Amino acid sequence: MNKVLNKGILIEELATEASRSLGEKVRLENLINGKCFNETDMHVVIYGPNNKNDGFHNSLYVLKSRSATPSDFDCDGVYIPQGFRAKFPGGTILDGPFAAKYDDLKRIQVSSYEGIPGYPTYTILTAPNAIFKPEKSGCNDSDKVCWAIPSTFNELQTYGPADAPTAPLE
């Protein structure tokens, strides 16, 4: 038995429309959130939602090998630690430490890891929107980015990145 509200709208129709609207909201959020893919056999440090209330705009996370972030996790970038390199589209190779920042809607794909002695290198198939070195980390200056960008591996460990939630690689 269908119940009718004012002006002849069926309750079932209203529920269906509300469900459709919620589904559309989730779909749009998933489009806006950047997604990270780690196709390597190594862990990758990424930037995601702030989980520490430490004043930074985001937090560091460890994305395990052969995994991806879920659709509802907003991946903002990749951190390349001291002693590592990243190779980007066009052949550009940069030495860490640095943060590679990506705008919303970006699919960030780390496709390989080359363990060249003395030069461990990640290949990142997505060009970043910006690169920030540790000296550009700070939340009080307009010419700095409010991200934690550790300058040494010990500093990275002190910061204590959390494990990123993961989803299967697509």
Protein backbone atom coordinates (compact mmCIF):
# COMPACT_ATOMS: atom_id res chain seq x y z
CA MET A 1 0.00 0.00 0.00
CA ASN A 2 1.50 3.33 -1.08
CA LYS A 3 1.19 6.27 1.25
CA VAL A 4 0.65 9.66 -0.35
CA LEU A 5 2.00 12.94 1.03
CA ASN A 6 0.69 16.40 0.16
CA LYS A 7 0.48 17.15 -3.56
CA GLY A 8 0.41 13.47 -4.49
CA ILE A 9 4.07 12.58 -3.84
CA LEU A 10 4.46 8.95 -2.86
CA ILE A 11 6.62 8.22 0.18
CA GLU A 12 8.42 5.53 -1.85
CA GLU A 13 9.25 8.10 -4.56
CA LEU A 14 10.61 10.48 -1.94
CA ALA A 15 12.76 7.70 -0.44
CA THR A 16 14.04 6.72 -3.89
CA GLU A 17 14.96 10.33 -4.70
CA ALA A 18 16.72 10.77 -1.33
CA SER A 19 18.69 7.57 -1.94
CA ARG A 20 19.63 8.73 -5.45
CA SER A 21 20.76 12.10 -4.06
CA LEU A 22 22.93 10.41 -1.43
CA GLY A 23 24.45 8.16 -4.09
CA GLU A 24 25.21 11.21 -6.25
CA LYS A 25 26.81 12.97 -3.26
CA VAL A 26 29.10 9.98 -2.63
CA ARG A 27 29.94 9.75 -6.35
CA LEU A 28 30.87 13.45 -6.47
CA GLU A 29 32.99 13.17 -3.31
CA ASN A 30 34.82 10.23 -4.86
CA LEU A 31 35.50 12.30 -7.99
CA ILE A 32 36.86 15.22 -5.97
CA ASN A 33 39.15 13.10 -3.80
CA GLY A 34 42.54 12.31 -5.26
CA LYS A 35 43.37 8.62 -5.29
CA CYS A 36 46.82 7.08 -4.85
CA PHE A 37 47.98 3.81 -6.42
CA ASN A 38 51.15 2.06 -5.25
CA GLU A 39 52.04 -0.56 -7.84
CA THR A 40 55.53 -1.14 -6.40
CA ASP A 41 56.89 -3.76 -4.02
CA MET A 42 57.90 -0.98 -1.60
CA HIS A 43 55.86 1.17 0.76
CA VAL A 44 55.18 4.74 -0.37
CA VAL A 45 54.62 7.69 1.98
CA ILE A 46 51.62 9.80 0.95
CA TYR A 47 49.70 12.83 2.20
CA GLY A 48 46.07 12.43 3.25
CA PRO A 49 43.46 13.79 5.66
CA ASN A 50 44.83 15.37 8.84
CA ASN A 51 44.64 12.85 11.66
CA LYS A 52 46.73 14.60 14.30
CA ASN A 53 45.24 18.07 14.82
CA ASP A 54 48.81 19.37 14.65
CA GLY A 55 48.17 22.50 12.60
CA PHE A 56 49.14 20.99 9.25
CA HIS A 57 46.59 20.76 6.46
CA ASN A 58 47.13 17.01 6.09
CA SER A 59 49.04 14.07 7.57
CA LEU A 60 51.60 11.55 6.36
CA TYR A 61 50.51 7.97 5.75
CA VAL A 62 52.28 4.81 4.62
CA LEU A 63 50.61 3.23 1.59
CA LYS A 64 51.56 -0.43 1.54
CA SER A 65 52.96 -2.10 -1.55
CA ARG A 66 50.54 -3.20 -4.27
CA SER A 67 47.60 -1.24 -2.85
CA ALA A 68 45.51 1.87 -3.44
CA THR A 69 43.68 4.34 -1.25
CA PRO A 70 39.90 3.91 -1.09
CA SER A 71 37.64 6.33 -2.94
CA ASP A 72 36.72 8.23 0.22
CA PHE A 73 40.38 8.92 1.17
CA ASP A 74 41.61 12.24 -0.21
CA CYS A 75 45.21 11.69 -1.32
CA ASP A 76 46.95 15.08 -1.64
CA GLY A 77 50.45 14.02 -2.61
CA VAL A 78 53.52 11.84 -2.26
CA TYR A 79 56.50 12.31 0.07
CA ILE A 80 59.92 11.27 -1.23
CA PRO A 81 62.35 10.85 1.69
CA GLN A 82 66.00 11.78 1.90
CA GLY A 83 68.17 9.31 -0.01
CA PHE A 84 65.44 8.52 -2.55
CA ARG A 85 64.54 9.92 -5.95
CA ALA A 86 61.38 10.28 -7.99
CA LYS A 87 61.17 10.10 -11.75
CA PHE A 88 58.23 11.98 -13.29
CA PRO A 89 56.71 12.12 -16.79
CA GLY A 90 59.11 13.63 -19.30
CA GLY A 91 62.09 12.05 -17.53
CA THR A 92 62.50 14.64 -14.76
CA ILE A 93 64.29 13.09 -11.78
CA LEU A 94 64.28 14.85 -8.40
CA ASP A 95 66.19 13.96 -5.24
CA GLY A 96 64.33 13.79 -1.92
CA PRO A 97 63.37 14.98 0.49
CA PHE A 98 60.35 16.72 -1.00
CA ALA A 99 56.58 16.68 -1.20
CA ALA A 100 54.90 16.28 -4.59
CA LYS A 101 51.53 18.06 -4.34
CA TYR A 102 48.55 17.14 -6.49
CA ASP A 103 45.27 18.96 -7.02
CA ASP A 104 41.91 17.32 -6.45
CA LEU A 105 40.68 14.87 -9.06
CA LYS A 106 44.20 13.54 -9.69
CA ARG A 107 44.98 9.85 -10.01
CA ILE A 108 48.43 9.55 -8.46
CA GLN A 109 50.18 6.44 -9.71
CA VAL A 110 53.53 5.17 -8.41
CA SER A 111 54.33 2.48 -10.95
CA SER A 112 57.80 1.17 -10.21
CA TYR A 113 60.72 1.24 -7.84
CA GLU A 114 64.27 0.89 -9.08
CA GLY A 115 66.75 -0.18 -6.45
CA ILE A 116 69.82 1.23 -8.18
CA PRO A 117 72.60 1.10 -5.57
CA GLY A 118 72.81 4.49 -3.92
CA TYR A 119 69.90 5.84 -5.96
CA PRO A 120 66.59 4.19 -5.04
CA THR A 121 64.04 5.74 -7.42
CA TYR A 122 60.23 5.74 -7.54
CA THR A 123 58.61 6.22 -10.95
CA ILE A 124 55.51 8.39 -10.60
CA LEU A 125 53.33 8.43 -13.71
CA THR A 126 51.41 11.57 -12.71
CA ALA A 127 53.09 14.97 -13.00
CA PRO A 128 52.70 16.94 -9.74
CA ASN A 129 51.09 20.37 -9.56
CA ALA A 130 53.89 21.56 -7.25
CA ILE A 131 57.07 20.36 -5.53
CA PHE A 132 57.95 21.54 -2.03
CA LYS A 133 61.27 21.02 -0.27
CA PRO A 134 61.42 20.91 3.58
CA GLU A 135 62.38 24.59 3.81
CA LYS A 136 58.98 25.43 2.27
CA SER A 137 57.12 23.69 5.12
CA GLY A 138 55.40 26.08 7.50
CA CYS A 139 51.95 27.28 8.39
CA ASN A 140 52.68 30.90 9.27
CA ASP A 141 54.17 32.28 6.05
CA SER A 142 52.21 32.92 2.87
CA ASP A 143 55.08 31.63 0.70
CA LYS A 144 55.11 28.23 2.44
CA VAL A 145 52.89 25.16 2.31
CA CYS A 146 51.25 23.99 5.55
CA TRP A 147 52.44 20.39 5.15
CA ALA A 148 54.89 18.36 7.23
CA ILE A 149 57.91 17.81 4.99
CA PRO A 150 60.56 16.00 7.06
CA SER A 151 64.13 16.75 6.01
CA THR A 152 65.62 13.48 7.30
CA PHE A 153 64.50 9.87 7.68
CA ASN A 154 64.76 10.21 11.48
CA GLU A 155 62.47 13.24 11.36
CA LEU A 156 60.00 11.22 9.26
CA GLN A 157 60.04 8.44 11.88
CA THR A 158 59.52 10.99 14.65
CA TYR A 159 56.49 12.31 12.83
CA GLY A 160 55.14 8.75 12.84
CA PRO A 161 53.08 8.31 9.69
CA ALA A 162 49.98 6.16 10.13
CA ASP A 163 49.08 3.27 7.86
CA ALA A 164 46.83 4.47 5.06
CA PRO A 165 43.52 2.73 4.58
CA THR A 166 43.75 0.60 1.46
CA ALA A 167 41.60 -0.72 -1.32
CA PRO A 168 42.49 -3.28 -3.98
CA LEU A 169 44.36 -2.04 -7.04
CA GLU A 170 41.96 -1.49 -9.93
